[in-house]
Amino acid sequence: RVVVQGVSLLSPKGLSKSIRESHGPLDPQAVDHIVERLDTAL
């Protein structure tokens, strides 16, 4: 994986794979809450 100045450089396929394979602390409710907050703020 190539990272430059803290930014990952990915192809669309690589991005899709990274998102699918990543696991984190967010449950589905938290994800929905983040989406609502960002939709309002941005």
All heavy atoms as atom14 arrays in JSON, in Angstrom:
{
  "sequence": "RVVVQGVSLLSPKGLSKSIRESHGPLDPQAVDHIVERLDTAL",
  "atom14_mask": [
    [1, 1, 1, 1, 1, 1, 1, 1, 1, 1, 1, 0, 0, 0],
    [1, 1, 1, 1, 1, 1, 1, 0, 0, 0, 0, 0, 0, 0],
    [1, 1, 1, 1, 1, 1, 1, 0, 0, 0, 0, 0, 0, 0],
    [1, 1, 1, 1, 1, 1, 1, 0, 0, 0, 0, 0, 0, 0],
    [1, 1, 1, 1, 1, 1, 1, 1, 1, 0, 0, 0, 0, 0],
    [1, 1, 1, 1, 0, 0, 0, 0, 0, 0, 0, 0, 0, 0],
    [1, 1, 1, 1, 1, 1, 1, 0, 0, 0, 0, 0, 0, 0],
    [1, 1, 1, 1, 1, 1, 0, 0, 0, 0, 0, 0, 0, 0],
    [1, 1, 1, 1, 1, 1, 1, 1, 0, 0, 0, 0, 0, 0],
    [1, 1, 1, 1, 1, 1, 1, 1, 0, 0, 0, 0, 0, 0],
    [1, 1, 1, 1, 1, 1, 0, 0, 0, 0, 0, 0, 0, 0],
    [1, 1, 1, 1, 1, 1, 1, 0, 0, 0, 0, 0, 0, 0],
    [1, 1, 1, 1, 1, 1, 1, 1, 1, 0, 0, 0, 0, 0],
    [1, 1, 1, 1, 0, 0, 0, 0, 0, 0, 0, 0, 0, 0],
    [1, 1, 1, 1, 1, 1, 1, 1, 0, 0, 0, 0, 0, 0],
    [1, 1, 1, 1, 1, 1, 0, 0, 0, 0, 0, 0, 0, 0],
    [1, 1, 1, 1, 1, 1, 1, 1, 1, 0, 0, 0, 0, 0],
    [1, 1, 1, 1, 1, 1, 0, 0, 0, 0, 0, 0, 0, 0],
    [1, 1, 1, 1, 1, 1, 1, 1, 0, 0, 0, 0, 0, 0],
    [1, 1, 1, 1, 1, 1, 1, 1, 1, 1, 1, 0, 0, 0],
    [1, 1, 1, 1, 1, 1, 1, 1, 1, 0, 0, 0, 0, 0],
    [1, 1, 1, 1, 1, 1, 0, 0, 0, 0, 0, 0, 0, 0],
    [1, 1, 1, 1, 1, 1, 1, 1, 1, 1, 0, 0, 0, 0],
    [1, 1, 1, 1, 0, 0, 0, 0, 0, 0, 0, 0, 0, 0],
    [1, 1, 1, 1, 1, 1, 1, 0, 0, 0, 0, 0, 0, 0],
    [1, 1, 1, 1, 1, 1, 1, 1, 0, 0, 0, 0, 0, 0],
    [1, 1, 1, 1, 1, 1, 1, 1, 0, 0, 0, 0, 0, 0],
    [1, 1, 1, 1, 1, 1, 1, 0, 0, 0, 0, 0, 0, 0],
    [1, 1, 1, 1, 1, 1, 1, 1, 1, 0, 0, 0, 0, 0],
    [1, 1, 1, 1, 1, 0, 0, 0, 0, 0, 0, 0, 0, 0],
    [1, 1, 1, 1, 1, 1, 1, 0, 0, 0, 0, 0, 0, 0],
    [1, 1, 1, 1, 1, 1, 1, 1, 0, 0, 0, 0, 0, 0],
    [1, 1, 1, 1, 1, 1, 1, 1, 1, 1, 0, 0, 0, 0],
    [1, 1, 1, 1, 1, 1, 1, 1, 0, 0, 0, 0, 0, 0],
    [1, 1, 1, 1, 1, 1, 1, 0, 0, 0, 0, 0, 0, 0],
    [1, 1, 1, 1, 1, 1, 1, 1, 1, 0, 0, 0, 0, 0],
    [1, 1, 1, 1, 1, 1, 1, 1, 1, 1, 1, 0, 0, 0],
    [1, 1, 1, 1, 1, 1, 1, 1, 0, 0, 0, 0, 0, 0],
    [1, 1, 1, 1, 1, 1, 1, 1, 0, 0, 0, 0, 0, 0],
    [1, 1, 1, 1, 1, 1, 1, 0, 0, 0, 0, 0, 0, 0],
    [1, 1, 1, 1, 1, 0, 0, 0, 0, 0, 0, 0, 0, 0],
    [1, 1, 1, 1, 1, 1, 1, 1, 0, 0, 0, 0, 0, 0]
  ],
  "atom14_positions": [
    [[0.86, -1.18, 0.0], [0.0, 0.0, 0.0], [0.89, 1.23, 0.0], [1.83, 1.33, 0.78], [-0.87, -0.03, 1.25], [-1.91, 1.04, 1.28], [-2.77, 0.86, 2.5], [-4.01, 1.58, 2.31], [-5.07, 1.41, 3.04], [-5.06, 0.52, 4.0], [-6.14, 2.11, 2.84], [0.0, 0.0, 0.0], [0.0, 0.0, 0.0], [0.0, 0.0, 0.0]],
    [[0.61, 2.17, -0.88], [1.42, 3.37, -0.98], [0.74, 4.49, -0.19], [-0.44, 4.77, -0.38], [1.6, 3.81, -2.46], [2.46, 5.05, -2.54], [2.21, 2.68, -3.27], [0.0, 0.0, 0.0], [0.0, 0.0, 0.0], [0.0, 0.0, 0.0], [0.0, 0.0, 0.0], [0.0, 0.0, 0.0], [0.0, 0.0, 0.0], [0.0, 0.0, 0.0]],
    [[1.52, 5.11, 0.7], [1.04, 6.22, 1.5], [2.04, 7.36, 1.33], [3.23, 7.17, 1.5], [0.9, 5.84, 2.99], [0.44, 7.03, 3.82], [-0.04, 4.67, 3.17], [0.0, 0.0, 0.0], [0.0, 0.0, 0.0], [0.0, 0.0, 0.0], [0.0, 0.0, 0.0], [0.0, 0.0, 0.0], [0.0, 0.0, 0.0], [0.0, 0.0, 0.0]],
    [[1.54, 8.53, 0.97], [2.38, 9.71, 0.81], [1.79, 10.82, 1.68], [0.61, 11.17, 1.54], [2.43, 10.18, -0.67], [3.26, 11.44, -0.81], [2.98, 9.08, -1.56], [0.0, 0.0, 0.0], [0.0, 0.0, 0.0], [0.0, 0.0, 0.0], [0.0, 0.0, 0.0], [0.0, 0.0, 0.0], [0.0, 0.0, 0.0], [0.0, 0.0, 0.0]],
    [[2.62, 11.34, 2.56], [2.21, 12.42, 3.47], [0.91, 12.06, 4.2], [0.02, 12.89, 4.39], [2.06, 13.73, 2.7], [3.34, 14.2, 2.06], [3.19, 15.44, 1.22], [2.24, 16.21, 1.39], [4.1, 15.67, 0.3], [0.0, 0.0, 0.0], [0.0, 0.0, 0.0], [0.0, 0.0, 0.0], [0.0, 0.0, 0.0], [0.0, 0.0, 0.0]],
    [[0.77, 10.8, 4.59], [-0.38, 10.34, 5.34], [-1.62, 10.03, 4.52], [-2.66, 9.69, 5.05], [0.0, 0.0, 0.0], [0.0, 0.0, 0.0], [0.0, 0.0, 0.0], [0.0, 0.0, 0.0], [0.0, 0.0, 0.0], [0.0, 0.0, 0.0], [0.0, 0.0, 0.0], [0.0, 0.0, 0.0], [0.0, 0.0, 0.0], [0.0, 0.0, 0.0]],
    [[-1.51, 10.16, 3.2], [-2.64, 9.91, 2.29], [-2.4, 8.61, 1.53], [-1.36, 8.44, 0.89], [-2.81, 11.08, 1.29], [-3.96, 10.8, 0.32], [-3.02, 12.39, 2.02], [0.0, 0.0, 0.0], [0.0, 0.0, 0.0], [0.0, 0.0, 0.0], [0.0, 0.0, 0.0], [0.0, 0.0, 0.0], [0.0, 0.0, 0.0], [0.0, 0.0, 0.0]],
    [[-3.35, 7.68, 1.61], [-3.25, 6.42, 0.87], [-3.53, 6.66, -0.61], [-4.45, 7.4, -0.96], [-4.25, 5.4, 1.41], [-3.94, 5.06, 2.73], [0.0, 0.0, 0.0], [0.0, 0.0, 0.0], [0.0, 0.0, 0.0], [0.0, 0.0, 0.0], [0.0, 0.0, 0.0], [0.0, 0.0, 0.0], [0.0, 0.0, 0.0], [0.0, 0.0, 0.0]],
    [[-2.74, 6.04, -1.47], [-2.95, 6.11, -2.91], [-3.51, 4.77, -3.35], [-2.85, 3.74, -3.21], [-1.62, 6.37, -3.64], [-0.77, 7.53, -3.14], [0.5, 7.65, -3.97], [-1.55, 8.83, -3.16], [0.0, 0.0, 0.0], [0.0, 0.0, 0.0], [0.0, 0.0, 0.0], [0.0, 0.0, 0.0], [0.0, 0.0, 0.0], [0.0, 0.0, 0.0]],
    [[-4.74, 4.77, -3.86], [-5.42, 3.53, -4.21], [-6.13, 3.63, -5.55], [-6.5, 4.72, -5.99], [-6.46, 3.18, -3.14], [-5.94, 2.91, -1.72], [-7.09, 2.86, -0.74], [-5.15, 1.62, -1.7], [0.0, 0.0, 0.0], [0.0, 0.0, 0.0], [0.0, 0.0, 0.0], [0.0, 0.0, 0.0], [0.0, 0.0, 0.0], [0.0, 0.0, 0.0]],
    [[-6.34, 2.49, -6.17], [-7.19, 2.38, -7.35], [-8.62, 2.21, -6.85], [-8.83, 1.92, -5.66], [-6.78, 1.17, -8.18], [-7.05, -0.02, -7.45], [0.0, 0.0, 0.0], [0.0, 0.0, 0.0], [0.0, 0.0, 0.0], [0.0, 0.0, 0.0], [0.0, 0.0, 0.0], [0.0, 0.0, 0.0], [0.0, 0.0, 0.0], [0.0, 0.0, 0.0]],
    [[-9.62, 2.35, -7.72], [-10.99, 2.1, -7.27], [-11.16, 0.69, -6.69], [-11.82, 0.52, -5.65], [-11.83, 2.28, -8.53], [-11.03, 3.23, -9.36], [-9.58, 2.86, -9.1], [0.0, 0.0, 0.0], [0.0, 0.0, 0.0], [0.0, 0.0, 0.0], [0.0, 0.0, 0.0], [0.0, 0.0, 0.0], [0.0, 0.0, 0.0], [0.0, 0.0, 0.0]],
    [[-10.56, -0.29, -7.33], [-10.65, -1.67, -6.84], [-9.94, -1.81, -5.49], [-10.45, -2.44, -4.57], [-10.02, -2.62, -7.86], [-10.2, -4.08, -7.55], [-9.63, -4.92, -8.69], [-9.83, -6.4, -8.4], [-9.33, -7.24, -9.5], [0.0, 0.0, 0.0], [0.0, 0.0, 0.0], [0.0, 0.0, 0.0], [0.0, 0.0, 0.0], [0.0, 0.0, 0.0]],
    [[-8.78, -1.19, -5.35], [-8.05, -1.23, -4.09], [-8.79, -0.52, -2.96], [-8.79, -0.97, -1.82], [0.0, 0.0, 0.0], [0.0, 0.0, 0.0], [0.0, 0.0, 0.0], [0.0, 0.0, 0.0], [0.0, 0.0, 0.0], [0.0, 0.0, 0.0], [0.0, 0.0, 0.0], [0.0, 0.0, 0.0], [0.0, 0.0, 0.0], [0.0, 0.0, 0.0]],
    [[-9.45, 0.59, -3.3], [-10.24, 1.31, -2.31], [-11.41, 0.46, -1.84], [-11.66, 0.34, -0.63], [-10.73, 2.63, -2.89], [-11.67, 3.45, -2.01], [-11.01, 3.84, -0.69], [-12.15, 4.69, -2.76], [0.0, 0.0, 0.0], [0.0, 0.0, 0.0], [0.0, 0.0, 0.0], [0.0, 0.0, 0.0], [0.0, 0.0, 0.0], [0.0, 0.0, 0.0]],
    [[-12.11, -0.14, -2.79], [-13.24, -1.0, -2.45], [-12.8, -2.14, -1.54], [-13.44, -2.44, -0.52], [-13.87, -1.54, -3.73], [-14.89, -2.45, -3.44], [0.0, 0.0, 0.0], [0.0, 0.0, 0.0], [0.0, 0.0, 0.0], [0.0, 0.0, 0.0], [0.0, 0.0, 0.0], [0.0, 0.0, 0.0], [0.0, 0.0, 0.0], [0.0, 0.0, 0.0]],
    [[-11.68, -2.76, -1.88], [-11.16, -3.86, -1.08], [-10.77, -3.38, 0.31], [-11.07, -4.03, 1.31], [-9.96, -4.48, -1.78], [-9.35, -5.65, -1.05], [-8.17, -6.24, -1.81], [-7.57, -7.38, -1.02], [-6.38, -7.91, -1.63], [0.0, 0.0, 0.0], [0.0, 0.0, 0.0], [0.0, 0.0, 0.0], [0.0, 0.0, 0.0], [0.0, 0.0, 0.0]],
    [[-10.11, -2.23, 0.4], [-9.7, -1.69, 1.7], [-10.9, -1.41, 2.59], [-10.87, -1.7, 3.79], [-8.88, -0.41, 1.51], [-7.66, -0.69, 0.89], [0.0, 0.0, 0.0], [0.0, 0.0, 0.0], [0.0, 0.0, 0.0], [0.0, 0.0, 0.0], [0.0, 0.0, 0.0], [0.0, 0.0, 0.0], [0.0, 0.0, 0.0], [0.0, 0.0, 0.0]],
    [[-11.93, -0.84, 2.03], [-13.13, -0.54, 2.82], [-13.8, -1.83, 3.28], [-14.18, -1.96, 4.43], [-14.11, 0.35, 2.01], [-13.49, 1.74, 1.82], [-15.46, 0.45, 2.72], [-14.27, 2.64, 0.88], [0.0, 0.0, 0.0], [0.0, 0.0, 0.0], [0.0, 0.0, 0.0], [0.0, 0.0, 0.0], [0.0, 0.0, 0.0], [0.0, 0.0, 0.0]],
    [[-13.93, -2.8, 2.36], [-14.56, -4.08, 2.71], [-13.8, -4.82, 3.81], [-14.4, -5.43, 4.68], [-14.68, -4.99, 1.49], [-15.85, -4.72, 0.6], [-16.07, -5.85, -0.42], [-14.87, -6.47, -0.93], [-14.18, -6.05, -2.0], [-14.59, -5.0, -2.66], [-13.1, -6.69, -2.41], [0.0, 0.0, 0.0], [0.0, 0.0, 0.0], [0.0, 0.0, 0.0]],
    [[-12.47, -4.8, 3.73], [-11.66, -5.58, 4.65], [-11.34, -4.87, 5.96], [-10.81, -5.48, 6.87], [-10.35, -5.99, 3.97], [-10.58, -6.98, 2.84], [-9.29, -7.36, 2.12], [-8.23, -6.74, 2.39], [-9.35, -8.27, 1.28], [0.0, 0.0, 0.0], [0.0, 0.0, 0.0], [0.0, 0.0, 0.0], [0.0, 0.0, 0.0], [0.0, 0.0, 0.0]],
    [[-11.66, -3.6, 6.05], [-11.32, -2.87, 7.26], [-12.39, -3.09, 8.33], [-13.56, -3.21, 8.04], [-11.16, -1.38, 6.97], [-12.38, -0.85, 6.51], [0.0, 0.0, 0.0], [0.0, 0.0, 0.0], [0.0, 0.0, 0.0], [0.0, 0.0, 0.0], [0.0, 0.0, 0.0], [0.0, 0.0, 0.0], [0.0, 0.0, 0.0], [0.0, 0.0, 0.0]],
    [[-11.91, -3.17, 9.53], [-12.81, -3.36, 10.67], [-12.51, -2.25, 11.66], [-11.36, -1.87, 11.86], [-12.6, -4.72, 11.32], [-12.8, -5.85, 10.36], [-14.03, -6.26, 9.94], [-11.9, -6.63, 9.69], [-13.9, -7.25, 9.08], [-12.6, -7.49, 8.91], [0.0, 0.0, 0.0], [0.0, 0.0, 0.0], [0.0, 0.0, 0.0], [0.0, 0.0, 0.0]],
    [[-13.53, -1.75, 12.26], [-13.3, -0.65, 13.19], [-14.28, -0.66, 14.34], [-15.09, -1.57, 14.48], [0.0, 0.0, 0.0], [0.0, 0.0, 0.0], [0.0, 0.0, 0.0], [0.0, 0.0, 0.0], [0.0, 0.0, 0.0], [0.0, 0.0, 0.0], [0.0, 0.0, 0.0], [0.0, 0.0, 0.0], [0.0, 0.0, 0.0], [0.0, 0.0, 0.0]],
    [[-14.22, 0.4, 15.12], [-15.01, 0.48, 16.33], [-16.46, 0.93, 16.11], [-17.21, 1.05, 17.07], [-14.25, 1.53, 17.15], [-13.68, 2.44, 16.09], [-13.33, 1.53, 14.95], [0.0, 0.0, 0.0], [0.0, 0.0, 0.0], [0.0, 0.0, 0.0], [0.0, 0.0, 0.0], [0.0, 0.0, 0.0], [0.0, 0.0, 0.0], [0.0, 0.0, 0.0]],
    [[-16.85, 1.15, 14.86], [-18.17, 1.73, 14.6], [-19.23, 0.67, 14.35], [-19.09, -0.17, 13.48], [-18.1, 2.68, 13.41], [-17.07, 3.8, 13.51], [-17.02, 4.58, 12.21], [-17.36, 4.7, 14.68], [0.0, 0.0, 0.0], [0.0, 0.0, 0.0], [0.0, 0.0, 0.0], [0.0, 0.0, 0.0], [0.0, 0.0, 0.0], [0.0, 0.0, 0.0]],
    [[-20.32, 0.76, 15.1], [-21.45, -0.14, 14.87], [-22.39, 0.53, 13.86], [-22.24, 1.71, 13.56], [-22.17, -0.49, 16.18], [-22.69, 0.74, 16.91], [-23.13, 1.7, 16.24], [-22.69, 0.73, 18.15], [0.0, 0.0, 0.0], [0.0, 0.0, 0.0], [0.0, 0.0, 0.0], [0.0, 0.0, 0.0], [0.0, 0.0, 0.0], [0.0, 0.0, 0.0]],
    [[-23.36, -0.2, 13.33], [-24.25, 0.39, 12.31], [-24.97, 1.65, 12.77], [-25.18, 2.57, 11.98], [-25.24, -0.75, 12.02], [-24.48, -1.99, 12.33], [-23.6, -1.63, 13.49], [0.0, 0.0, 0.0], [0.0, 0.0, 0.0], [0.0, 0.0, 0.0], [0.0, 0.0, 0.0], [0.0, 0.0, 0.0], [0.0, 0.0, 0.0], [0.0, 0.0, 0.0]],
    [[-25.33, 1.74, 14.03], [-26.0, 2.95, 14.54], [-25.06, 4.14, 14.52], [-25.46, 5.25, 14.16], [-26.53, 2.71, 15.95], [-27.68, 1.72, 15.99], [-28.01, 1.32, 17.43], [-27.15, 1.26, 18.29], [-29.28, 1.03, 17.65], [0.0, 0.0, 0.0], [0.0, 0.0, 0.0], [0.0, 0.0, 0.0], [0.0, 0.0, 0.0], [0.0, 0.0, 0.0]],
    [[-23.79, 3.91, 14.88], [-22.81, 4.99, 14.85], [-22.57, 5.47, 13.42], [-22.46, 6.67, 13.17], [-21.5, 4.54, 15.49], [0.0, 0.0, 0.0], [0.0, 0.0, 0.0], [0.0, 0.0, 0.0], [0.0, 0.0, 0.0], [0.0, 0.0, 0.0], [0.0, 0.0, 0.0], [0.0, 0.0, 0.0], [0.0, 0.0, 0.0], [0.0, 0.0, 0.0]],
    [[-22.52, 4.52, 12.49], [-22.34, 4.88, 11.08], [-23.5, 5.75, 10.61], [-23.29, 6.79, 9.97], [-22.19, 3.62, 10.2], [-22.21, 3.98, 8.72], [-20.92, 2.87, 10.56], [0.0, 0.0, 0.0], [0.0, 0.0, 0.0], [0.0, 0.0, 0.0], [0.0, 0.0, 0.0], [0.0, 0.0, 0.0], [0.0, 0.0, 0.0], [0.0, 0.0, 0.0]],
    [[-24.72, 5.36, 10.92], [-25.9, 6.16, 10.54], [-25.84, 7.55, 11.14], [-26.15, 8.55, 10.48], [-27.19, 5.45, 10.97], [-27.48, 4.21, 10.15], [-26.9, 4.06, 9.05], [-28.29, 3.38, 10.61], [0.0, 0.0, 0.0], [0.0, 0.0, 0.0], [0.0, 0.0, 0.0], [0.0, 0.0, 0.0], [0.0, 0.0, 0.0], [0.0, 0.0, 0.0]],
    [[-25.41, 7.63, 12.39], [-25.31, 8.91, 13.08], [-24.25, 9.8, 12.42], [-24.48, 11.0, 12.22], [-24.97, 8.69, 14.57], [-25.17, 9.89, 15.41], [-26.3, 10.11, 16.14], [-24.36, 10.94, 15.64], [-26.18, 11.25, 16.78], [-25.0, 11.78, 16.51], [0.0, 0.0, 0.0], [0.0, 0.0, 0.0], [0.0, 0.0, 0.0], [0.0, 0.0, 0.0]],
    [[-23.13, 9.21, 12.03], [-22.07, 9.96, 11.34], [-22.57, 10.47, 10.0], [-22.33, 11.62, 9.62], [-20.8, 9.1, 11.18], [-20.12, 8.93, 12.54], [-19.84, 9.71, 10.17], [-18.99, 7.91, 12.55], [0.0, 0.0, 0.0], [0.0, 0.0, 0.0], [0.0, 0.0, 0.0], [0.0, 0.0, 0.0], [0.0, 0.0, 0.0], [0.0, 0.0, 0.0]],
    [[-23.26, 9.63, 9.27], [-23.8, 10.04, 7.97], [-24.74, 11.22, 8.12], [-24.65, 12.21, 7.38], [-24.52, 8.85, 7.27], [-25.31, 9.32, 6.06], [-23.52, 7.78, 6.88], [0.0, 0.0, 0.0], [0.0, 0.0, 0.0], [0.0, 0.0, 0.0], [0.0, 0.0, 0.0], [0.0, 0.0, 0.0], [0.0, 0.0, 0.0], [0.0, 0.0, 0.0]],
    [[-25.64, 11.16, 9.09], [-26.57, 12.27, 9.34], [-25.82, 13.55, 9.7], [-26.14, 14.63, 9.19], [-27.54, 11.9, 10.45], [-28.55, 10.85, 10.08], [-29.37, 10.37, 11.27], [-29.32, 11.0, 12.35], [-30.05, 9.33, 11.12], [0.0, 0.0, 0.0], [0.0, 0.0, 0.0], [0.0, 0.0, 0.0], [0.0, 0.0, 0.0], [0.0, 0.0, 0.0]],
    [[-24.82, 13.42, 10.56], [-24.06, 14.6, 11.01], [-23.31, 15.23, 9.85], [-23.31, 16.44, 9.67], [-23.08, 14.19, 12.13], [-22.21, 15.3, 12.61], [-23.05, 16.37, 13.32], [-22.25, 17.58, 13.42], [-22.64, 18.77, 12.99], [-23.83, 18.95, 12.47], [-21.86, 19.8, 13.1], [0.0, 0.0, 0.0], [0.0, 0.0, 0.0], [0.0, 0.0, 0.0]],
    [[-22.63, 14.41, 9.03], [-21.88, 14.95, 7.9], [-22.8, 15.52, 6.83], [-22.46, 16.52, 6.2], [-20.96, 13.88, 7.32], [-19.8, 13.43, 8.21], [-19.02, 12.32, 7.55], [-18.9, 14.6, 8.58], [0.0, 0.0, 0.0], [0.0, 0.0, 0.0], [0.0, 0.0, 0.0], [0.0, 0.0, 0.0], [0.0, 0.0, 0.0], [0.0, 0.0, 0.0]],
    [[-23.95, 14.91, 6.66], [-24.92, 15.41, 5.67], [-25.4, 16.81, 6.07], [-25.57, 17.67, 5.21], [-26.1, 14.44, 5.56], [-26.99, 14.75, 4.4], [-26.46, 15.09, 3.31], [-28.22, 14.66, 4.55], [0.0, 0.0, 0.0], [0.0, 0.0, 0.0], [0.0, 0.0, 0.0], [0.0, 0.0, 0.0], [0.0, 0.0, 0.0], [0.0, 0.0, 0.0]],
    [[-25.57, 17.02, 7.35], [-26.0, 18.32, 7.85], [-24.87, 19.34, 7.82], [-25.04, 20.48, 7.38], [-26.51, 18.2, 9.3], [-27.59, 17.26, 9.32], [-26.99, 19.52, 9.85], [0.0, 0.0, 0.0], [0.0, 0.0, 0.0], [0.0, 0.0, 0.0], [0.0, 0.0, 0.0], [0.0, 0.0, 0.0], [0.0, 0.0, 0.0], [0.0, 0.0, 0.0]],
    [[-23.68, 18.93, 8.27], [-22.55, 19.85, 8.39], [-21.89, 20.18, 7.05], [-21.33, 21.26, 6.89], [-21.52, 19.26, 9.34], [0.0, 0.0, 0.0], [0.0, 0.0, 0.0], [0.0, 0.0, 0.0], [0.0, 0.0, 0.0], [0.0, 0.0, 0.0], [0.0, 0.0, 0.0], [0.0, 0.0, 0.0], [0.0, 0.0, 0.0], [0.0, 0.0, 0.0]],
    [[-21.96, 19.25, 6.11], [-21.26, 19.44, 4.83], [-22.24, 19.23, 3.67], [-22.16, 18.23, 2.94], [-20.1, 18.44, 4.71], [-19.08, 18.46, 5.85], [-18.13, 17.27, 5.74], [-18.33, 19.77, 5.87], [0.0, 0.0, 0.0], [0.0, 0.0, 0.0], [0.0, 0.0, 0.0], [0.0, 0.0, 0.0], [0.0, 0.0, 0.0], [0.0, 0.0, 0.0]]
  ]
}
